Amino acid sequence: MAIVKRWRPEPWRPTTVQEETALRLADPLIGARGRTRIDGVAEVRTVEGGEVRQYLVWPEGTTTLVESRPLSLLYRRLEAIRPVIGWLAIAGSCG
């Protein structure tokens, strides 16, 4: 189950609809970070496929993607070597 943690030092006091939306956006393993702005709009940061994404979640639950950073160099390198590690593991178990 995904968890939305407070984005320090800001408060996380979403409406029920905002919290449900944030939980749908959150990665099931990593979760997400959230904060509630003074105007009642929630900001949620998630990680999806190695990209960091920032959403605005309006009080009625609609979302707006406001930032999406590209994949980091480290993530791309790990993705490139993952098949090699798998092949080595298979070859090691067969020998």
C-alpha atoms as a PDB file:
ATOM      1  CA  MET A   1       0.000   0.000   0.000  1.00  0.00           C
ATOM      2  CA  ALA A   2       1.305   3.427  -0.889  1.00  0.00           C
ATOM      3  CA  ILE A   3       1.992   6.033   1.753  1.00  0.00           C
ATOM      4  CA  VAL A   4       2.127   9.804   1.400  1.00  0.00           C
ATOM      5  CA  LYS A   5       4.576  11.339   3.846  1.00  0.00           C
ATOM      6  CA  ARG A   6       4.718  14.975   4.881  1.00  0.00           C
ATOM      7  CA  TRP A   7       7.017  17.123   2.752  1.00  0.00           C
ATOM      8  CA  ARG A   8       8.903  18.857   5.555  1.00  0.00           C
ATOM      9  CA  PRO A   9       8.522  21.482   6.969  1.00  0.00           C
ATOM     10  CA  GLU A  10       5.142  21.982   5.300  1.00  0.00           C
ATOM     11  CA  PRO A  11       1.903  20.481   6.709  1.00  0.00           C
ATOM     12  CA  TRP A  12       0.051  17.603   5.038  1.00  0.00           C
ATOM     13  CA  ARG A  13      -3.650  18.192   5.669  1.00  0.00           C
ATOM     14  CA  PRO A  14      -5.419  17.120   2.472  1.00  0.00           C
ATOM     15  CA  THR A  15      -9.120  16.680   1.944  1.00  0.00           C
ATOM     16  CA  THR A  16     -10.308  13.092   1.659  1.00  0.00           C
ATOM     17  CA  VAL A  17     -10.503  13.390  -2.132  1.00  0.00           C
ATOM     18  CA  GLN A  18      -6.992  14.893  -2.340  1.00  0.00           C
ATOM     19  CA  GLU A  19      -5.582  12.102  -0.195  1.00  0.00           C
ATOM     20  CA  GLU A  20      -7.241   9.425  -2.346  1.00  0.00           C
ATOM     21  CA  THR A  21      -5.822  11.062  -5.470  1.00  0.00           C
ATOM     22  CA  ALA A  22      -2.346  11.320  -3.916  1.00  0.00           C
ATOM     23  CA  LEU A  23      -2.438   7.639  -2.974  1.00  0.00           C
ATOM     24  CA  ARG A  24      -3.335   6.722  -6.570  1.00  0.00           C
ATOM     25  CA  LEU A  25      -0.384   8.786  -7.839  1.00  0.00           C
ATOM     26  CA  ALA A  26       2.068   7.358  -5.287  1.00  0.00           C
ATOM     27  CA  ASP A  27       4.347   4.456  -6.113  1.00  0.00           C
ATOM     28  CA  PRO A  28       3.253   1.359  -4.142  1.00  0.00           C
ATOM     29  CA  LEU A  29       6.800   0.708  -2.882  1.00  0.00           C
ATOM     30  CA  ILE A  30       8.308   4.195  -2.613  1.00  0.00           C
ATOM     31  CA  GLY A  31       5.207   6.194  -1.736  1.00  0.00           C
ATOM     32  CA  ALA A  32       5.131   9.956  -2.263  1.00  0.00           C
ATOM     33  CA  ARG A  33       5.712  13.269  -0.505  1.00  0.00           C
ATOM     34  CA  GLY A  34       2.924  15.742   0.017  1.00  0.00           C
ATOM     35  CA  ARG A  35       2.239  19.167   1.411  1.00  0.00           C
ATOM     36  CA  THR A  36      -0.830  21.353   1.585  1.00  0.00           C
ATOM     37  CA  ARG A  37      -0.524  24.956   0.517  1.00  0.00           C
ATOM     38  CA  ILE A  38      -2.280  27.779   2.330  1.00  0.00           C
ATOM     39  CA  ASP A  39      -4.800  28.079  -0.537  1.00  0.00           C
ATOM     40  CA  GLY A  40      -5.924  24.451   0.004  1.00  0.00           C
ATOM     41  CA  VAL A  41      -4.155  22.982  -3.026  1.00  0.00           C
ATOM     42  CA  ALA A  42      -2.044  19.911  -2.280  1.00  0.00           C
ATOM     43  CA  GLU A  43       1.361  19.383  -3.893  1.00  0.00           C
ATOM     44  CA  VAL A  44       2.482  15.792  -4.368  1.00  0.00           C
ATOM     45  CA  ARG A  45       5.898  14.532  -5.496  1.00  0.00           C
ATOM     46  CA  THR A  46       6.140  11.031  -6.895  1.00  0.00           C
ATOM     47  CA  VAL A  47       8.652   8.842  -8.689  1.00  0.00           C
ATOM     48  CA  GLU A  48       7.464   7.026 -11.793  1.00  0.00           C
ATOM     49  CA  GLY A  49       9.830   5.049 -14.005  1.00  0.00           C
ATOM     50  CA  GLY A  50      12.799   6.898 -12.546  1.00  0.00           C
ATOM     51  CA  GLU A  51      11.276  10.318 -13.188  1.00  0.00           C
ATOM     52  CA  VAL A  52      10.466  12.696 -10.364  1.00  0.00           C
ATOM     53  CA  ARG A  53       7.043  14.228 -10.943  1.00  0.00           C
ATOM     54  CA  GLN A  54       5.280  17.028  -9.100  1.00  0.00           C
ATOM     55  CA  TYR A  55       1.507  17.353  -9.207  1.00  0.00           C
ATOM     56  CA  LEU A  56      -0.969  19.909  -7.936  1.00  0.00           C
ATOM     57  CA  VAL A  57      -4.052  18.215  -6.510  1.00  0.00           C
ATOM     58  CA  TRP A  58      -7.034  20.556  -6.371  1.00  0.00           C
ATOM     59  CA  PRO A  59      -9.626  20.289  -3.560  1.00  0.00           C
ATOM     60  CA  GLU A  60     -12.054  18.418  -5.840  1.00  0.00           C
ATOM     61  CA  GLY A  61      -9.338  15.829  -6.682  1.00  0.00           C
ATOM     62  CA  THR A  62      -8.292  16.908 -10.180  1.00  0.00           C
ATOM     63  CA  THR A  63      -4.566  16.971 -10.862  1.00  0.00           C
ATOM     64  CA  THR A  64      -2.151  19.075 -12.860  1.00  0.00           C
ATOM     65  CA  LEU A  65       1.359  17.854 -13.671  1.00  0.00           C
ATOM     66  CA  VAL A  66       3.629  20.852 -13.051  1.00  0.00           C
ATOM     67  CA  GLU A  67       7.091  19.272 -13.209  1.00  0.00           C
ATOM     68  CA  SER A  68       8.636  16.130 -14.633  1.00  0.00           C
ATOM     69  CA  ARG A  69      12.370  15.691 -14.446  1.00  0.00           C
ATOM     70  CA  PRO A  70      14.031  13.328 -16.917  1.00  0.00           C
ATOM     71  CA  LEU A  71      15.611  10.064 -15.894  1.00  0.00           C
ATOM     72  CA  SER A  72      18.794  10.462 -13.904  1.00  0.00           C
ATOM     73  CA  LEU A  73      22.087   9.253 -15.365  1.00  0.00           C
ATOM     74  CA  LEU A  74      22.418   6.678 -12.568  1.00  0.00           C
ATOM     75  CA  TYR A  75      18.964   5.242 -13.286  1.00  0.00           C
ATOM     76  CA  ARG A  76      19.740   4.946 -17.014  1.00  0.00           C
ATOM     77  CA  ARG A  77      23.010   3.159 -16.245  1.00  0.00           C
ATOM     78  CA  LEU A  78      21.306   0.700 -13.911  1.00  0.00           C
ATOM     79  CA  GLU A  79      18.632   0.010 -16.515  1.00  0.00           C
ATOM     80  CA  ALA A  80      21.357  -0.662 -19.101  1.00  0.00           C
ATOM     81  CA  ILE A  81      23.237  -3.202 -16.969  1.00  0.00           C
ATOM     82  CA  ARG A  82      20.186  -4.990 -15.527  1.00  0.00           C
ATOM     83  CA  PRO A  83      19.984  -7.555 -18.407  1.00  0.00           C
ATOM     84  CA  VAL A  84      23.692  -8.346 -18.017  1.00  0.00           C
ATOM     85  CA  ILE A  85      23.230  -9.024 -14.298  1.00  0.00           C
ATOM     86  CA  GLY A  86      20.287 -11.302 -15.136  1.00  0.00           C
ATOM     87  CA  TRP A  87      22.318 -13.237 -17.683  1.00  0.00           C
ATOM     88  CA  LEU A  88      25.171 -13.675 -15.201  1.00  0.00           C
ATOM     89  CA  ALA A  89      22.763 -14.925 -12.543  1.00  0.00           C
ATOM     90  CA  ILE A  90      21.232 -17.441 -14.968  1.00  0.00           C
ATOM     91  CA  ALA A  91      24.645 -18.601 -16.186  1.00  0.00           C
ATOM     92  CA  GLY A  92      25.843 -18.992 -12.596  1.00  0.00           C
ATOM     93  CA  SER A  93      22.861 -21.098 -11.595  1.00  0.00           C
ATOM     94  CA  CYS A  94      23.226 -23.391 -14.611  1.00  0.00           C
ATOM     95  CA  GLY A  95      26.904 -24.133 -13.980  1.00  0.00           C
END
